[in-house]
C-alpha atoms as a PDB file:
ATOM      1  CA  PHE A   1     106.144  87.244  99.924  1.00  0.00           C
ATOM      2  CA  MET A   2     103.626  89.874  98.774  1.00  0.00           C
ATOM      3  CA  LYS A   3     105.127  92.491 101.108  1.00  0.00           C
ATOM      4  CA  SER A   4     108.570  91.990  99.546  1.00  0.00           C
ATOM      5  CA  VAL A   5     107.115  92.841  96.127  1.00  0.00           C
ATOM      6  CA  ILE A   6     106.444  96.332  97.528  1.00  0.00           C
ATOM      7  CA  THR A   7     109.622  96.735  99.581  1.00  0.00           C
ATOM      8  CA  THR A   8     112.248  95.309  97.214  1.00  0.00           C
ATOM      9  CA  GLY A   9     110.533  93.938  94.120  1.00  0.00           C
ATOM     10  CA  THR A  10     108.688  95.072  91.029  1.00  0.00           C
ATOM     11  CA  GLY A  11     106.173  97.103  93.047  1.00  0.00           C
ATOM     12  CA  ARG A  12     108.730  99.122  95.007  1.00  0.00           C
ATOM     13  CA  ARG A  13     107.808 102.399  93.261  1.00  0.00           C
ATOM     14  CA  ILE A  14     104.709 102.496  95.485  1.00  0.00           C
ATOM     15  CA  ASN A  15     106.494 101.588  98.718  1.00  0.00           C
ATOM     16  CA  ASN A  16     106.578 105.118 100.128  1.00  0.00           C
ATOM     17  CA  LEU A  17     102.872 105.986 100.230  1.00  0.00           C
ATOM     18  CA  LYS A  18     102.017 107.528 103.599  1.00  0.00           C
ATOM     19  CA  HIS A  19      99.326 105.774 105.703  1.00  0.00           C
ATOM     20  CA  ILE A  20      98.928 102.928 103.166  1.00  0.00           C
ATOM     21  CA  THR A  21      99.852  99.364 104.075  1.00  0.00           C
ATOM     22  CA  ILE A  22     100.054  97.293 100.921  1.00  0.00           C
ATOM     23  CA  TYR A  23     100.811  93.746  99.866  1.00  0.00           C
ATOM     24  CA  ALA A  24     100.949  93.088  96.140  1.00  0.00           C
ATOM     25  CA  LYS A  25     101.907  90.874  93.234  1.00  0.00           C
ATOM     26  CA  THR A  26     102.832  92.121  89.789  1.00  0.00           C
ATOM     27  CA  GLY A  27     103.110  90.152  86.606  1.00  0.00           C
ATOM     28  CA  THR A  28     102.329  89.665  82.976  1.00  0.00           C
ATOM     29  CA  ALA A  29      99.984  87.336  81.136  1.00  0.00           C
ATOM     30  CA  GLN A  30     101.016  85.933  77.813  1.00  0.00           C
ATOM     31  CA  THR A  31      98.810  86.646  74.811  1.00  0.00           C
ATOM     32  CA  VAL A  32      98.274  85.036  71.434  1.00  0.00           C
ATOM     33  CA  ALA A  33      97.331  86.941  68.308  1.00  0.00           C
ATOM     34  CA  PHE A  34      95.739  85.220  65.345  1.00  0.00           C
ATOM     35  CA  LYS A  35      96.613  86.651  61.956  1.00  0.00           C
ATOM     36  CA  ASP A  36      93.739  88.384  60.233  1.00  0.00           C
ATOM     37  CA  GLU A  37      94.049  89.317  56.580  1.00  0.00           C
ATOM     38  CA  ASN A  38      93.305  92.951  57.490  1.00  0.00           C
ATOM     39  CA  GLU A  39      95.892  93.152  60.271  1.00  0.00           C
ATOM     40  CA  THR A  40      99.069  95.135  59.747  1.00  0.00           C
ATOM     41  CA  SER A  41     102.375  93.995  61.189  1.00  0.00           C
ATOM     42  CA  GLU A  42     102.244  96.990  63.560  1.00  0.00           C
ATOM     43  CA  SER A  43      98.857  96.039  64.993  1.00  0.00           C
ATOM     44  CA  LEU A  44      99.920  92.395  65.279  1.00  0.00           C
ATOM     45  CA  GLU A  45     103.021  93.442  67.201  1.00  0.00           C
ATOM     46  CA  LYS A  46     100.858  95.362  69.693  1.00  0.00           C
ATOM     47  CA  MET A  47      98.471  92.414  70.028  1.00  0.00           C
ATOM     48  CA  ARG A  48     101.373  90.106  70.922  1.00  0.00           C
ATOM     49  CA  LYS A  49     102.482  92.248  73.873  1.00  0.00           C
ATOM     50  CA  GLU A  50     101.773  90.695  77.249  1.00  0.00           C
ATOM     51  CA  HIS A  51      99.004  91.930  79.507  1.00  0.00           C
ATOM     52  CA  ALA A  52     100.168  93.734  82.666  1.00  0.00           C
ATOM     53  CA  TRP A  53      98.825  92.746  86.113  1.00  0.00           C
ATOM     54  CA  PHE A  54      98.874  94.383  89.517  1.00  0.00           C
ATOM     55  CA  VAL A  55      97.001  92.651  92.338  1.00  0.00           C
ATOM     56  CA  SER A  56      96.998  94.068  95.855  1.00  0.00           C
ATOM     57  CA  TYR A  57      95.569  93.883  99.327  1.00  0.00           C
ATOM     58  CA  PHE A  58      95.838  97.294 100.987  1.00  0.00           C
ATOM     59  CA  SER A  59      94.513  99.403 103.829  1.00  0.00           C
ATOM     60  CA  TYR A  60      94.512 103.068 104.760  1.00  0.00           C
ATOM     61  CA  LYS A  61      95.657 103.659 108.342  1.00  0.00           C
ATOM     62  CA  GLU A  62      93.740 101.174 110.523  1.00  0.00           C
ATOM     63  CA  GLU A  63      90.728 100.772 108.233  1.00  0.00           C
ATOM     64  CA  ASP A  64      89.497  97.468 106.862  1.00  0.00           C
ATOM     65  CA  PRO A  65      91.588  96.235 103.957  1.00  0.00           C
ATOM     66  CA  LEU A  66      90.527  96.408 100.322  1.00  0.00           C
ATOM     67  CA  VAL A  67      91.536  94.402  97.265  1.00  0.00           C
ATOM     68  CA  MET A  68      92.562  95.989  93.969  1.00  0.00           C
ATOM     69  CA  VAL A  69      93.177  94.251  90.646  1.00  0.00           C
ATOM     70  CA  ILE A  70      94.464  96.117  87.612  1.00  0.00           C
ATOM     71  CA  LEU A  71      94.820  94.537  84.183  1.00  0.00           C
ATOM     72  CA  VAL A  72      96.211  96.542  81.281  1.00  0.00           C
ATOM     73  CA  GLU A  73      95.826  94.709  77.995  1.00  0.00           C
ATOM     74  CA  HIS A  74      98.839  94.521  75.662  1.00  0.00           C
ATOM     75  CA  ALA A  75     100.988  96.779  77.853  1.00  0.00           C
ATOM     76  CA  GLY A  76     104.114  94.635  77.557  1.00  0.00           C
ATOM     77  CA  SER A  77     105.295  95.203  81.151  1.00  0.00           C
ATOM     78  CA  SER A  78     103.823  95.211  84.648  1.00  0.00           C
ATOM     79  CA  LYS A  79     105.263  98.692  85.253  1.00  0.00           C
ATOM     80  CA  TYR A  80     102.205 100.192  83.532  1.00  0.00           C
ATOM     81  CA  ALA A  81      99.759  98.472  85.884  1.00  0.00           C
ATOM     82  CA  THR A  82     101.937  99.409  88.866  1.00  0.00           C
ATOM     83  CA  SER A  83     101.958 103.047  87.761  1.00  0.00           C
ATOM     84  CA  ILE A  84      98.143 103.065  87.538  1.00  0.00           C
ATOM     85  CA  ALA A  85      97.938 101.503  91.008  1.00  0.00           C
ATOM     86  CA  LYS A  86     100.207 104.200  92.416  1.00  0.00           C
ATOM     87  CA  GLN A  87      98.113 106.979  90.850  1.00  0.00           C
ATOM     88  CA  PHE A  88      94.947 105.430  92.283  1.00  0.00           C
ATOM     89  CA  LEU A  89      96.418 105.012  95.771  1.00  0.00           C
ATOM     90  CA  ILE A  90      97.679 108.602  95.843  1.00  0.00           C
ATOM     91  CA  LYS A  91      94.212 109.892  94.942  1.00  0.00           C
ATOM     92  CA  TYR A  92      92.576 107.467  97.370  1.00  0.00           C
ATOM     93  CA  SER A  93      94.831 108.707 100.204  1.00  0.00           C
ATOM     94  CA  LYS A  94      94.040 112.348  99.397  1.00  0.00           C
ATOM     95  CA  LEU A  95      90.321 111.600  99.392  1.00  0.00           C
ATOM     96  CA  LYS A  96      90.521 109.755 102.726  1.00  0.00           C
ATOM     97  CA  LYS A  97      92.460 112.666 104.220  1.00  0.00           C
ATOM     98  CA  GLU A  98      89.885 115.195 102.934  1.00  0.00           C
ATOM     99  CA  ILE A  99      86.944 113.313 104.438  1.00  0.00           C
ATOM    100  CA  GLY A 100      88.791 112.826 107.702  1.00  0.00           C
ATOM    101  CA  SER A 101      89.335 109.064 107.739  1.00  0.00           C
END
């Protein structure tokens, strides 16, 4: 199931990373905002946005796997956490290549 998230699901934008094998789950976590007398409607709207999750189990080439969890508070969509994961994995791959792993 977690592989299909990367190949055909909400994590597919990171499916084409060279030398990275990844299994992941994306999602959102519901939030609750309590009204404060000093809160504006704009800040309350932001506080009500769902948190974005990206959880993965990945490995570079044949190395031991690692686990990554990304939580972006009040993002509203898991695409933000997935985008951060992709940026991290691209940089991680470049670093591994530079050090000769």
